[in-house]
Amino acid sequence: MATTSSSPEATEQDRFTANRWKALGVLALAVSTIVIDGTIVNVALPTMIDQLPLTFTQAQWVTTIYNLIFAALLITTGRAGDKFGRRTTLLLGMALFAGASLLAGLATNASSLLLARAIQGIGGAFVLPSTLSTVNATFRGRERAIAFGIWGATISGAAAIGPLLGGYLTTHATWRWVFGINIPLAIVIALGSLLWVPQTSEGSNKQHSQFFSDFDSVGFLSSFIGMGSIVFGLVEGRNLGWWAPTSKGWAASWPLSPAPIAIALGVIACFVFVRTEIRRGTAGRDVMLDMGLFRLQSFSWGNIAAMVVAMGEFGLLFVLPLYLQNVLGLSAMHAGAVLAIMAVGSFIAGGTAGPLARTIGATNVATWGLILETIGMVAMALIMKPTSPTWQIDVALVLYGVGLGFASAQLTSTVLAEVPPAKSGQGSATQSTVRQLGSALGVAIIATIMASSITSAASGILGNTSLPPQQATQIEQQLAPTAGTMITLVREGQGPAAAWQPEVRQEVATELSDAFVSGSRVPLWVGAGFMFLGVIATLRLPRSQKSARRHHSKVSDDTTNSA
């Protein structure tokens, strides 16, 4: 009797253990879907701006709101998965993500699209930490290293697929399928999760109730308000006014523009968040973020470097599709292929970063990666011209992509090197949050600078053409708000250019292209500056494992004593 009976729990666990590699495939597909959604949209943006239509600021929000919501919820959703079960939060996240993708694909205006993107961000925030935590809980020993290697390589591969898939769907179908493709993927992931992914957690019924009773609501709200308000101010400052309100904004009658108010509110909320986390941590209560982790040199400086990497990458991914399609006249498919070159370089470098790190050290690999990214960004700013051949852009993107692969592959392990095992969950969630926040800030800052510099470059540029002065001024003023699609309209004889002679269209399109490129170079130089700050940050990281272990031991002792 005893030999034939076994508990249902043991049988269930045996089944999941036997299928752990299938589970890894499901988890890899889930994280790929989330990563692809962060890159697939950029290639489709010029078409969406033209067809939905979107303004330049609304196009910023299509990318920014997803990353912002994602960043704001990652720590909370990661802790919820630890308490209530990671497969549960994975399924919940995929359901939200698929539903929001359907809404985005059916969007009829900017408001409905942005709402759908916000819900996608919520879903993605549930999915990402649940996949990483499940891999960590399912695999042991040598298999764990292999599993994490596959998980990391999947992210790089998905980044390469995103632009290509976005370009293909936009060219051969419609931009709506950029979102629609997520629905069948979500169904496959849900079925695979139920069949093969184990339910893992670290919570008991008592801990479940404690999660709600001692939930850090002030920390959650202040962090969300802080990040959201700062990004809102940066994105909307150009439209609403950086100090005095603009005459055309919805706050035209206000004595002060909402943009500086939002930024000030965000700074205050971030201060409240830090104070709240310090006080709750000192009292031994549950916190959103253990501020003591930032005493670790590798954790604090490594997260600064990780944020800079994300700011540069997503800022570049916002600028380039607009340049490639509106100035060079490439199709969405061709533009996607060009952008994929960067991700391919990142994928290749990510695979070689591990062996290289064992030779010269992970920190040195990260530093050289950021140096290559800086050089690649500078090269792109120098190469970018209205008539640049795409092979020159490919060279700069390969260089940037190799640097990105080196830096991204090693920063994760470097940031967590000194974090005690008991706090690895918070450390991982914090790093993911920092990266997503960097993505949102990168688009907000780079796109805002881009719009302002294009507006400045376009002012008066059509004064020497044969257009009437009033019409020339109107077209100049539309270059930045249309994100460069005005160039395509003029080149193809659409809109106001329908009645112009071919030589006039060519003349105006050339002048507008020059202004757009001139304005687009400025944010690339700013991005290169971000990259250089990242290089400086990595120089402050511990250069040896011995140093990391010493700091790790000190923090572990502090944790034990405080407990």
Protein backbone atom coordinates (compact mmCIF):
# COMPACT_ATOMS: atom_id res chain seq x y z
CA MET A 1 0.00 0.00 0.00
CA ALA A 2 2.73 2.39 1.00
CA THR A 3 4.65 1.83 -2.19
CA THR A 4 1.72 2.52 -4.46
CA SER A 5 0.39 5.63 -2.77
CA SER A 6 1.86 9.06 -3.17
CA SER A 7 0.60 12.52 -2.33
CA PRO A 8 -0.99 14.55 -5.13
CA GLU A 9 1.47 17.33 -4.37
CA ALA A 10 4.49 15.04 -4.87
CA THR A 11 3.07 13.65 -8.12
CA GLU A 12 2.40 17.16 -9.37
CA GLN A 13 5.93 18.29 -8.48
CA ASP A 14 7.46 15.26 -10.21
CA ARG A 15 5.50 16.06 -13.35
CA PHE A 16 6.75 19.63 -13.42
CA THR A 17 10.33 18.57 -12.66
CA ALA A 18 10.29 16.18 -15.61
CA ASN A 19 9.00 18.96 -17.88
CA ARG A 20 11.27 21.74 -16.58
CA TRP A 21 12.93 22.34 -19.95
CA LYS A 22 9.55 22.65 -21.63
CA ALA A 23 8.65 25.08 -18.87
CA LEU A 24 11.78 27.08 -19.68
CA GLY A 25 10.64 27.27 -23.30
CA VAL A 26 7.28 28.68 -22.21
CA LEU A 27 8.95 31.20 -19.89
CA ALA A 28 11.36 32.23 -22.65
CA LEU A 29 8.44 32.74 -25.05
CA ALA A 30 6.64 34.83 -22.42
CA VAL A 31 9.58 37.15 -21.79
CA SER A 32 10.21 37.33 -25.57
CA THR A 33 6.67 38.58 -26.11
CA ILE A 34 7.18 41.35 -23.56
CA VAL A 35 10.58 42.35 -24.96
CA ILE A 36 9.39 42.28 -28.57
CA ASP A 37 6.54 44.62 -27.66
CA GLY A 38 9.11 47.16 -26.51
CA THR A 39 10.85 47.24 -29.91
CA ILE A 40 8.22 46.21 -32.45
CA VAL A 41 6.20 49.40 -31.97
CA ASN A 42 9.04 51.80 -32.83
CA VAL A 43 9.22 50.72 -36.47
CA ALA A 44 5.46 51.09 -36.84
CA LEU A 45 5.34 54.56 -35.23
CA PRO A 46 5.80 56.61 -38.45
CA THR A 47 2.88 54.73 -40.04
CA MET A 48 0.75 55.11 -36.90
CA ILE A 49 1.51 58.85 -36.79
CA ASP A 50 0.21 59.14 -40.36
CA GLN A 51 -2.77 56.79 -40.28
CA LEU A 52 -4.32 57.00 -36.78
CA PRO A 53 -3.14 59.86 -36.63
CA LEU A 54 -0.82 60.78 -33.75
CA THR A 55 0.98 63.98 -32.86
CA PHE A 56 4.68 63.91 -32.00
CA THR A 57 3.90 64.07 -28.26
CA GLN A 58 1.31 61.30 -28.51
CA ALA A 59 3.88 59.17 -30.35
CA GLN A 60 6.23 59.73 -27.42
CA TRP A 61 3.56 58.51 -25.02
CA VAL A 62 2.93 55.33 -27.04
CA THR A 63 6.39 54.18 -25.99
CA THR A 64 6.76 56.07 -22.72
CA ILE A 65 3.51 55.10 -21.00
CA TYR A 66 4.23 51.39 -21.49
CA ASN A 67 7.70 51.64 -19.98
CA LEU A 68 6.57 53.99 -17.21
CA ILE A 69 3.71 51.78 -15.97
CA PHE A 70 5.99 48.76 -16.36
CA ALA A 71 8.67 50.39 -14.18
CA ALA A 72 6.26 51.64 -11.53
CA LEU A 73 4.73 48.20 -10.86
CA LEU A 74 7.68 45.78 -11.20
CA ILE A 75 8.66 45.67 -7.53
CA THR A 76 5.06 45.24 -6.38
CA THR A 77 4.19 42.57 -8.94
CA GLY A 78 7.42 40.72 -8.25
CA ARG A 79 6.62 40.56 -4.54
CA ALA A 80 3.03 39.54 -5.28
CA GLY A 81 4.34 36.62 -7.36
CA ASP A 82 6.62 35.56 -4.50
CA LYS A 83 3.66 35.55 -2.12
CA PHE A 84 0.75 34.23 -4.21
CA GLY A 85 2.46 32.08 -6.83
CA ARG A 86 4.49 33.02 -9.87
CA ARG A 87 2.47 30.97 -12.33
CA THR A 88 -0.63 32.78 -11.11
CA THR A 89 0.87 36.20 -11.76
CA LEU A 90 2.26 34.99 -15.11
CA LEU A 91 -1.21 33.93 -16.26
CA LEU A 92 -2.78 37.13 -14.94
CA GLY A 93 -0.15 39.21 -16.70
CA MET A 94 -0.59 37.42 -20.03
CA ALA A 95 -4.38 37.80 -19.81
CA LEU A 96 -4.04 41.56 -19.24
CA PHE A 97 -1.39 41.83 -21.96
CA ALA A 98 -3.47 39.94 -24.54
CA GLY A 99 -6.64 41.91 -23.75
CA ALA A 100 -4.77 45.21 -23.98
CA SER A 101 -3.17 44.12 -27.27
CA LEU A 102 -6.63 43.51 -28.72
CA LEU A 103 -7.71 47.00 -27.58
CA ALA A 104 -4.58 48.54 -29.09
CA GLY A 105 -5.13 46.76 -32.40
CA LEU A 106 -8.70 48.07 -32.53
CA ALA A 107 -7.82 51.61 -31.38
CA THR A 108 -9.60 54.37 -33.28
CA ASN A 109 -7.78 57.36 -31.77
CA ALA A 110 -4.77 58.30 -29.67
CA SER A 111 -6.64 58.11 -26.35
CA SER A 112 -7.81 54.52 -26.82
CA LEU A 113 -4.34 53.48 -28.00
CA LEU A 114 -2.62 55.06 -24.99
CA LEU A 115 -5.10 53.43 -22.59
CA ALA A 116 -4.36 50.05 -24.17
CA ARG A 117 -0.61 50.64 -23.91
CA ALA A 118 -0.98 51.49 -20.21
CA ILE A 119 -2.81 48.19 -19.59
CA GLN A 120 -0.12 46.39 -21.59
CA GLY A 121 2.41 47.89 -19.18
CA ILE A 122 0.47 46.45 -16.23
CA GLY A 123 0.40 43.03 -17.84
CA GLY A 124 4.09 43.14 -18.70
CA ALA A 125 4.94 44.08 -15.12
CA PHE A 126 3.29 40.84 -13.92
CA VAL A 127 4.98 38.69 -16.57
CA LEU A 128 8.65 39.69 -16.43
CA PRO A 129 9.46 39.08 -12.72
CA SER A 130 7.40 35.88 -12.65
CA THR A 131 9.48 34.35 -15.45
CA LEU A 132 12.83 35.19 -13.86
CA SER A 133 11.75 34.05 -10.38
CA THR A 134 10.34 30.78 -11.73
CA VAL A 135 13.60 29.99 -13.53
CA ASN A 136 15.46 30.75 -10.30
CA ALA A 137 13.17 28.47 -8.27
CA THR A 138 12.97 25.60 -10.78
CA PHE A 139 16.60 24.97 -11.73
CA ARG A 140 19.57 24.07 -9.54
CA GLY A 141 23.33 23.77 -9.91
CA ARG A 142 24.78 23.65 -13.42
CA GLU A 143 21.30 23.53 -14.95
CA ARG A 144 20.51 26.92 -13.42
CA ALA A 145 23.48 28.55 -15.18
CA ILE A 146 22.36 27.02 -18.48
CA ALA A 147 18.75 28.13 -17.90
CA PHE A 148 19.75 31.70 -17.09
CA GLY A 149 21.98 31.74 -20.16
CA ILE A 150 19.04 30.68 -22.34
CA TRP A 151 16.76 33.21 -20.63
CA GLY A 152 19.26 36.03 -21.22
CA ALA A 153 19.97 35.04 -24.83
CA THR A 154 16.22 34.95 -25.46
CA ILE A 155 15.94 38.62 -24.50
CA SER A 156 18.69 39.60 -26.96
CA GLY A 157 17.17 37.46 -29.70
CA ALA A 158 13.73 38.94 -29.12
CA ALA A 159 15.20 42.44 -29.42
CA ALA A 160 16.50 41.44 -32.86
CA ILE A 161 13.16 39.97 -33.95
CA GLY A 162 11.11 42.99 -32.85
CA PRO A 163 12.13 45.51 -35.53
CA LEU A 164 12.02 42.90 -38.31
CA LEU A 165 8.60 41.64 -37.27
CA GLY A 166 7.29 45.18 -36.86
CA GLY A 167 8.56 46.16 -40.29
CA TYR A 168 7.13 43.04 -41.95
CA LEU A 169 3.66 43.39 -40.38
CA THR A 170 3.48 47.13 -41.10
CA THR A 171 4.59 46.68 -44.72
CA HIS A 172 2.67 43.55 -45.70
CA ALA A 173 -0.39 43.79 -43.43
CA THR A 174 -1.20 46.76 -41.18
CA TRP A 175 0.29 48.41 -38.10
CA ARG A 176 -2.61 46.95 -36.08
CA TRP A 177 -1.07 43.48 -36.38
CA VAL A 178 1.93 44.78 -34.45
CA PHE A 179 -0.37 44.38 -31.44
CA GLY A 180 -2.57 41.58 -32.81
CA ILE A 181 0.34 39.15 -33.02
CA ASN A 182 0.45 39.11 -29.21
CA ILE A 183 -2.95 37.40 -28.88
CA PRO A 184 -2.10 33.95 -30.35
CA LEU A 185 1.26 34.06 -28.54
CA ALA A 186 -0.52 34.72 -25.25
CA ILE A 187 -2.83 31.74 -25.80
CA VAL A 188 0.13 29.43 -26.46
CA ILE A 189 1.93 30.76 -23.35
CA ALA A 190 -1.16 30.27 -21.17
CA LEU A 191 -1.63 26.67 -22.32
CA GLY A 192 2.06 25.89 -21.89
CA SER A 193 2.04 27.44 -18.42
CA LEU A 194 -0.86 25.26 -17.27
CA LEU A 195 0.80 22.13 -18.68
CA TRP A 196 4.44 22.56 -17.74
CA VAL A 197 5.23 25.63 -15.60
CA PRO A 198 5.29 24.84 -11.85
CA GLN A 199 3.55 26.98 -9.27
CA THR A 200 6.31 28.36 -7.09
CA SER A 201 6.06 30.83 -4.22
CA GLU A 202 7.64 31.76 -0.94
CA GLY A 203 4.45 32.60 0.89
CA SER A 204 2.17 30.97 3.44
CA ASN A 205 -1.39 31.91 4.34
CA LYS A 206 -0.03 34.04 7.16
CA GLN A 207 2.34 35.80 4.82
CA HIS A 208 -0.48 36.34 2.32
CA SER A 209 -2.51 38.26 4.88
CA GLN A 210 0.60 40.12 6.03
CA PHE A 211 1.24 41.20 2.44
CA PHE A 212 -1.98 43.22 2.56
CA SER A 213 -1.95 44.27 6.22
CA ASP A 214 1.61 45.64 6.08
CA PHE A 215 1.61 46.65 2.42
CA ASP A 216 3.79 49.71 1.80
CA SER A 217 1.00 51.79 0.29
CA VAL A 218 2.73 55.13 0.89
CA GLY A 219 5.89 53.83 -0.77
CA PHE A 220 3.94 52.46 -3.72
CA LEU A 221 1.94 55.65 -4.30
CA SER A 222 4.85 58.03 -3.79
CA SER A 223 7.11 56.08 -6.17
CA PHE A 224 4.39 55.93 -8.84
CA ILE A 225 3.50 59.62 -8.49
CA GLY A 226 7.17 60.59 -8.40
CA MET A 227 8.18 58.77 -11.56
CA GLY A 228 4.95 59.54 -13.40
CA SER A 229 4.98 63.26 -12.63
CA ILE A 230 8.60 63.78 -13.67
CA VAL A 231 8.14 61.93 -16.95
CA PHE A 232 4.86 63.79 -17.61
CA GLY A 233 6.58 67.13 -17.11
CA LEU A 234 9.45 66.20 -19.42
CA VAL A 235 7.17 64.91 -22.19
CA GLU A 236 4.54 67.66 -22.05
CA GLY A 237 6.83 70.62 -21.32
CA ARG A 238 7.23 71.53 -24.98
CA ASN A 239 3.45 71.63 -25.55
CA LEU A 240 2.35 73.13 -22.25
CA GLY A 241 5.32 75.44 -21.69
CA TRP A 242 8.40 75.00 -19.53
CA TRP A 243 7.40 77.86 -17.24
CA ALA A 244 4.65 80.12 -18.58
CA PRO A 245 1.75 78.19 -20.18
CA THR A 246 1.48 78.20 -23.97
CA SER A 247 -1.52 79.92 -25.54
CA LYS A 248 -2.71 76.70 -27.27
CA GLY A 249 -2.39 74.31 -24.33
CA TRP A 250 -5.29 73.05 -22.21
CA ALA A 251 -3.86 75.05 -19.28
CA ALA A 252 -3.54 78.32 -21.21
CA SER A 253 -5.35 80.25 -18.44
CA TRP A 254 -3.09 78.93 -15.67
CA PRO A 255 -0.60 81.37 -14.12
CA LEU A 256 2.07 78.67 -14.31
CA SER A 257 2.50 75.79 -16.77
CA PRO A 258 1.57 72.31 -15.46
CA ALA A 259 4.95 70.96 -16.63
CA PRO A 260 7.17 72.52 -13.93
CA ILE A 261 4.44 71.84 -11.36
CA ALA A 262 4.47 68.15 -12.30
CA ILE A 263 8.27 67.95 -12.16
CA ALA A 264 8.33 69.65 -8.74
CA LEU A 265 5.59 67.31 -7.49
CA GLY A 266 7.57 64.35 -8.78
CA VAL A 267 10.73 65.44 -6.96
CA ILE A 268 8.78 65.88 -3.70
CA ALA A 269 7.11 62.48 -4.12
CA CYS A 270 10.49 60.81 -4.72
CA PHE A 271 11.80 62.42 -1.53
CA VAL A 272 8.75 61.10 0.35
CA PHE A 273 9.39 57.65 -1.10
CA VAL A 274 13.00 57.56 0.07
CA ARG A 275 12.09 58.80 3.57
CA THR A 276 9.25 56.29 3.83
CA GLU A 277 11.43 53.36 2.82
CA ILE A 278 14.18 54.34 5.28
CA ARG A 279 11.73 54.69 8.19
CA ARG A 280 9.88 51.45 7.45
CA GLY A 281 13.12 49.56 6.92
CA THR A 282 14.52 50.84 10.24
CA ALA A 283 11.31 49.72 11.98
CA GLY A 284 11.59 46.24 10.44
CA ARG A 285 8.40 46.66 8.40
CA ASP A 286 7.74 45.53 4.82
CA VAL A 287 9.21 47.94 2.25
CA MET A 288 8.96 48.44 -1.48
CA LEU A 289 12.72 48.92 -1.68
CA ASP A 290 15.44 48.26 0.88
CA MET A 291 17.41 51.51 0.70
CA GLY A 292 20.28 49.80 2.50
CA LEU A 293 21.10 48.03 -0.76
CA PHE A 294 22.35 51.33 -2.14
CA ARG A 295 25.19 51.26 0.38
CA LEU A 296 26.63 48.56 -1.85
CA GLN A 297 29.01 50.16 -4.32
CA SER A 298 28.27 47.70 -7.12
CA PHE A 299 24.51 47.98 -6.62
CA SER A 300 24.31 51.78 -6.61
CA TRP A 301 26.79 52.52 -9.41
CA GLY A 302 25.73 49.47 -11.41
CA ASN A 303 22.10 50.61 -11.41
CA ILE A 304 23.15 54.07 -12.59
CA ALA A 305 24.99 52.45 -15.49
CA ALA A 306 22.02 50.17 -16.26
CA MET A 307 19.66 53.16 -16.36
CA VAL A 308 21.97 55.02 -18.72
CA VAL A 309 22.14 51.99 -21.05
CA ALA A 310 18.33 51.89 -21.23
CA MET A 311 18.05 55.66 -21.74
CA GLY A 312 20.45 55.57 -24.68
CA GLU A 313 18.97 52.46 -26.29
CA PHE A 314 15.32 53.50 -26.23
CA GLY A 315 16.13 57.11 -27.10
CA LEU A 316 18.02 55.86 -30.16
CA LEU A 317 15.18 53.50 -31.07
CA PHE A 318 12.77 56.45 -31.04
CA VAL A 319 14.89 58.68 -33.28
CA LEU A 320 16.13 56.22 -35.90
CA PRO A 321 12.84 54.82 -37.32
CA LEU A 322 11.62 58.38 -37.97
CA TYR A 323 14.87 59.26 -39.73
CA LEU A 324 15.07 56.04 -41.75
CA GLN A 325 11.49 56.18 -43.03
CA ASN A 326 10.76 59.90 -43.34
CA VAL A 327 14.17 61.21 -44.48
CA LEU A 328 15.79 58.25 -46.26
CA GLY A 329 12.41 57.04 -47.52
CA LEU A 330 12.89 53.42 -46.45
CA SER A 331 9.91 51.11 -46.08
CA ALA A 332 8.97 49.91 -42.59
CA MET A 333 10.39 46.49 -43.52
CA HIS A 334 13.72 47.95 -44.64
CA ALA A 335 13.91 50.18 -41.57
CA GLY A 336 13.23 47.17 -39.35
CA ALA A 337 16.05 45.25 -41.02
CA VAL A 338 18.46 48.14 -40.40
CA LEU A 339 17.50 48.36 -36.72
CA ALA A 340 17.79 44.60 -36.35
CA ILE A 341 21.50 44.92 -37.14
CA MET A 342 21.95 46.55 -33.73
CA ALA A 343 20.15 43.73 -31.95
CA VAL A 344 22.11 41.08 -33.86
CA GLY A 345 25.35 42.71 -32.70
CA SER A 346 23.97 42.72 -29.16
CA PHE A 347 23.01 39.04 -29.39
CA ILE A 348 26.46 37.99 -30.64
CA ALA A 349 28.27 40.07 -28.01
CA GLY A 350 26.02 38.75 -25.26
CA GLY A 351 27.09 35.20 -26.10
CA THR A 352 30.80 36.03 -25.94
CA ALA A 353 30.60 38.33 -22.90
CA GLY A 354 30.68 35.43 -20.42
CA PRO A 355 33.99 33.89 -21.56
CA LEU A 356 35.49 37.36 -21.91
CA ALA A 357 34.38 38.26 -18.39
CA ARG A 358 36.23 35.23 -17.00
CA THR A 359 39.39 36.58 -18.63
CA ILE A 360 39.29 40.32 -17.88
CA GLY A 361 36.45 40.56 -15.34
CA ALA A 362 32.73 41.33 -15.68
CA THR A 363 33.15 44.98 -14.68
CA ASN A 364 35.79 45.58 -17.34
CA VAL A 365 33.54 43.99 -19.97
CA ALA A 366 30.69 46.31 -18.93
CA THR A 367 32.99 49.34 -19.08
CA TRP A 368 34.27 48.49 -22.57
CA GLY A 369 30.70 47.79 -23.65
CA LEU A 370 29.62 51.30 -22.67
CA ILE A 371 32.69 52.77 -24.38
CA LEU A 372 31.67 51.01 -27.61
CA GLU A 373 28.10 52.27 -27.19
CA THR A 374 29.39 55.82 -26.78
CA ILE A 375 31.53 55.51 -29.90
CA GLY A 376 28.60 54.01 -31.83
CA MET A 377 26.29 56.87 -30.80
CA VAL A 378 28.89 59.48 -31.78
CA ALA A 379 29.42 57.72 -35.12
CA MET A 380 25.67 57.75 -35.76
CA ALA A 381 25.48 61.49 -35.06
CA LEU A 382 28.35 62.11 -37.50
CA ILE A 383 27.02 59.76 -40.19
CA MET A 384 23.40 60.92 -40.15
CA LYS A 385 22.72 62.92 -43.30
CA PRO A 386 19.74 63.20 -45.69
CA THR A 387 21.60 61.01 -48.20
CA SER A 388 23.55 58.64 -45.95
CA PRO A 389 23.91 55.09 -47.38
CA THR A 390 22.39 52.51 -45.07
CA TRP A 391 25.62 50.48 -44.88
CA GLN A 392 27.25 53.33 -42.95
CA ILE A 393 24.35 53.33 -40.51
CA ASP A 394 24.69 49.55 -40.21
CA VAL A 395 28.36 49.90 -39.21
CA ALA A 396 27.53 52.38 -36.46
CA LEU A 397 24.63 50.21 -35.23
CA VAL A 398 26.76 47.05 -35.15
CA LEU A 399 29.32 48.88 -33.05
CA TYR A 400 26.60 50.18 -30.74
CA GLY A 401 24.94 46.76 -30.58
CA VAL A 402 28.15 44.96 -29.64
CA GLY A 403 28.68 47.46 -26.84
CA LEU A 404 25.08 47.02 -25.71
CA GLY A 405 25.52 43.25 -25.62
CA PHE A 406 28.69 43.46 -23.55
CA ALA A 407 27.25 46.01 -21.11
CA SER A 408 23.79 44.47 -20.66
CA ALA A 409 25.08 40.92 -20.29
CA GLN A 410 27.48 41.80 -17.48
CA LEU A 411 25.69 44.60 -15.65
CA THR A 412 23.06 42.22 -14.28
CA SER A 413 25.57 39.96 -12.57
CA THR A 414 27.71 42.94 -11.50
CA VAL A 415 24.81 44.82 -9.91
CA LEU A 416 23.75 41.75 -7.90
CA ALA A 417 27.27 40.57 -7.02
CA GLU A 418 27.22 42.02 -3.48
CA VAL A 419 23.50 41.61 -2.76
CA PRO A 420 22.87 39.04 0.01
CA PRO A 421 20.89 35.97 -1.18
CA ALA A 422 18.03 36.84 1.18
CA LYS A 423 17.56 40.14 -0.68
CA SER A 424 18.21 38.92 -4.23
CA GLY A 425 14.51 39.21 -5.10
CA GLN A 426 14.39 42.89 -4.21
CA GLY A 427 17.74 43.45 -5.89
CA SER A 428 16.58 41.87 -9.15
CA ALA A 429 13.26 43.72 -9.10
CA THR A 430 15.03 47.02 -8.43
CA GLN A 431 17.39 46.52 -11.35
CA SER A 432 14.49 45.71 -13.69
CA THR A 433 12.66 48.79 -12.41
CA VAL A 434 15.69 51.00 -13.00
CA ARG A 435 16.05 49.70 -16.57
CA GLN A 436 12.39 50.33 -17.37
CA LEU A 437 12.52 53.77 -15.78
CA GLY A 438 15.58 54.50 -17.90
CA SER A 439 13.61 53.45 -20.99
CA ALA A 440 10.78 55.86 -20.13
CA LEU A 441 13.15 58.72 -19.28
CA GLY A 442 15.24 58.05 -22.38
CA VAL A 443 12.27 58.46 -24.72
CA ALA A 444 10.95 61.46 -22.76
CA ILE A 445 14.25 63.35 -22.71
CA ILE A 446 15.56 62.40 -26.16
CA ALA A 447 12.23 62.98 -27.92
CA THR A 448 11.66 66.32 -26.16
CA ILE A 449 15.13 67.54 -27.16
CA MET A 450 14.56 66.21 -30.67
CA ALA A 451 11.28 68.10 -31.12
CA SER A 452 12.75 71.36 -29.83
CA SER A 453 15.91 71.11 -31.95
CA ILE A 454 13.94 70.22 -35.11
CA THR A 455 11.63 73.19 -34.54
CA SER A 456 14.63 75.46 -34.16
CA ALA A 457 16.38 74.03 -37.24
CA ALA A 458 13.23 74.36 -39.37
CA SER A 459 12.53 77.98 -38.47
CA GLY A 460 12.94 80.10 -41.62
CA ILE A 461 14.45 77.26 -43.68
CA LEU A 462 11.83 77.64 -46.45
CA GLY A 463 12.26 81.41 -46.70
CA ASN A 464 14.28 81.17 -49.92
CA THR A 465 11.91 78.79 -51.69
CA SER A 466 9.15 79.79 -54.10
CA LEU A 467 6.42 79.13 -51.51
CA PRO A 468 4.33 82.03 -50.18
CA PRO A 469 5.76 83.16 -46.81
CA GLN A 470 2.65 82.23 -44.81
CA GLN A 471 2.46 78.73 -46.30
CA ALA A 472 6.21 78.22 -45.83
CA THR A 473 5.92 79.14 -42.14
CA GLN A 474 3.01 76.74 -41.63
CA ILE A 475 4.93 73.84 -43.17
CA GLU A 476 8.03 74.65 -41.10
CA GLN A 477 5.93 74.60 -37.94
CA GLN A 478 4.44 71.21 -38.84
CA LEU A 479 7.76 69.40 -39.29
CA ALA A 480 8.30 68.57 -35.60
CA PRO A 481 4.64 67.94 -34.58
CA THR A 482 4.25 65.45 -37.47
CA ALA A 483 7.55 63.76 -36.48
CA GLY A 484 8.86 64.25 -40.00
CA THR A 485 5.92 62.74 -41.91
CA MET A 486 5.50 66.17 -43.53
CA ILE A 487 8.62 65.31 -45.58
CA THR A 488 6.93 62.21 -47.00
CA LEU A 489 3.73 64.13 -47.78
CA VAL A 490 5.68 66.80 -49.65
CA ARG A 491 7.85 64.27 -51.49
CA GLU A 492 4.78 62.29 -52.64
CA GLY A 493 2.71 65.37 -53.52
CA GLN A 494 0.06 64.86 -50.83
CA GLY A 495 -1.69 67.36 -48.55
CA PRO A 496 -0.59 70.97 -49.15
CA ALA A 497 1.97 69.82 -51.77
CA ALA A 498 -0.66 68.32 -54.09
CA ALA A 499 -0.76 71.42 -56.29
CA TRP A 500 2.99 72.08 -56.38
CA GLN A 501 5.29 71.49 -59.29
CA PRO A 502 7.67 68.49 -58.94
CA GLU A 503 10.73 70.72 -58.71
CA VAL A 504 9.11 72.73 -55.88
CA ARG A 505 8.25 69.55 -54.00
CA GLN A 506 11.82 68.33 -54.35
CA GLU A 507 13.22 71.66 -53.18
CA VAL A 508 10.97 71.81 -50.11
CA ALA A 509 11.50 68.14 -49.24
CA THR A 510 15.28 68.65 -49.39
CA GLU A 511 15.15 71.66 -47.08
CA LEU A 512 12.85 69.88 -44.61
CA SER A 513 15.08 66.80 -44.64
CA ASP A 514 18.12 68.95 -43.85
CA ALA A 515 16.28 70.55 -40.93
CA PHE A 516 15.03 67.21 -39.61
CA VAL A 517 18.50 65.65 -39.72
CA SER A 518 20.10 68.71 -38.14
CA GLY A 519 17.58 68.59 -35.31
CA SER A 520 17.91 64.83 -34.89
CA ARG A 521 21.68 65.00 -34.40
CA VAL A 522 21.27 66.99 -31.17
CA PRO A 523 19.51 64.22 -29.17
CA LEU A 524 22.10 61.73 -30.43
CA TRP A 525 24.86 63.88 -28.96
CA VAL A 526 22.88 64.01 -25.73
CA GLY A 527 22.55 60.22 -25.84
CA ALA A 528 26.32 59.94 -26.29
CA GLY A 529 26.68 62.10 -23.19
CA PHE A 530 24.45 59.67 -21.26
CA MET A 531 26.63 56.79 -22.44
CA PHE A 532 29.78 58.55 -21.25
CA LEU A 533 28.21 59.05 -17.82
CA GLY A 534 27.62 55.30 -17.80
CA VAL A 535 31.31 54.70 -18.51
CA ILE A 536 32.18 56.86 -15.49
CA ALA A 537 29.66 54.94 -13.36
CA THR A 538 31.21 51.57 -14.24
CA LEU A 539 34.64 52.90 -13.27
CA ARG A 540 33.30 53.18 -9.71
CA LEU A 541 32.33 49.50 -9.61
CA PRO A 542 34.50 46.98 -7.67
CA ARG A 543 37.10 45.68 -10.10
CA SER A 544 37.59 42.31 -8.42
CA GLN A 545 35.49 39.51 -6.97
CA LYS A 546 37.52 39.76 -3.75
CA SER A 547 36.28 43.31 -3.18
CA ALA A 548 32.72 42.25 -3.97
CA ARG A 549 32.87 39.39 -1.46
CA ARG A 550 34.18 41.74 1.24
CA HIS A 551 31.27 44.16 0.76
CA HIS A 552 28.85 41.25 0.50
CA SER A 553 30.05 39.90 3.85
CA LYS A 554 29.64 43.29 5.50
CA VAL A 555 26.07 43.74 4.27
CA SER A 556 25.19 40.17 5.23
CA ASP A 557 26.46 40.84 8.76
CA ASP A 558 24.44 44.06 8.91
CA THR A 559 21.35 42.17 7.78
CA THR A 560 21.86 39.46 10.39
CA ASN A 561 22.42 41.99 13.18
CA SER A 562 19.35 44.01 12.25
CA ALA A 563 17.26 40.85 12.22
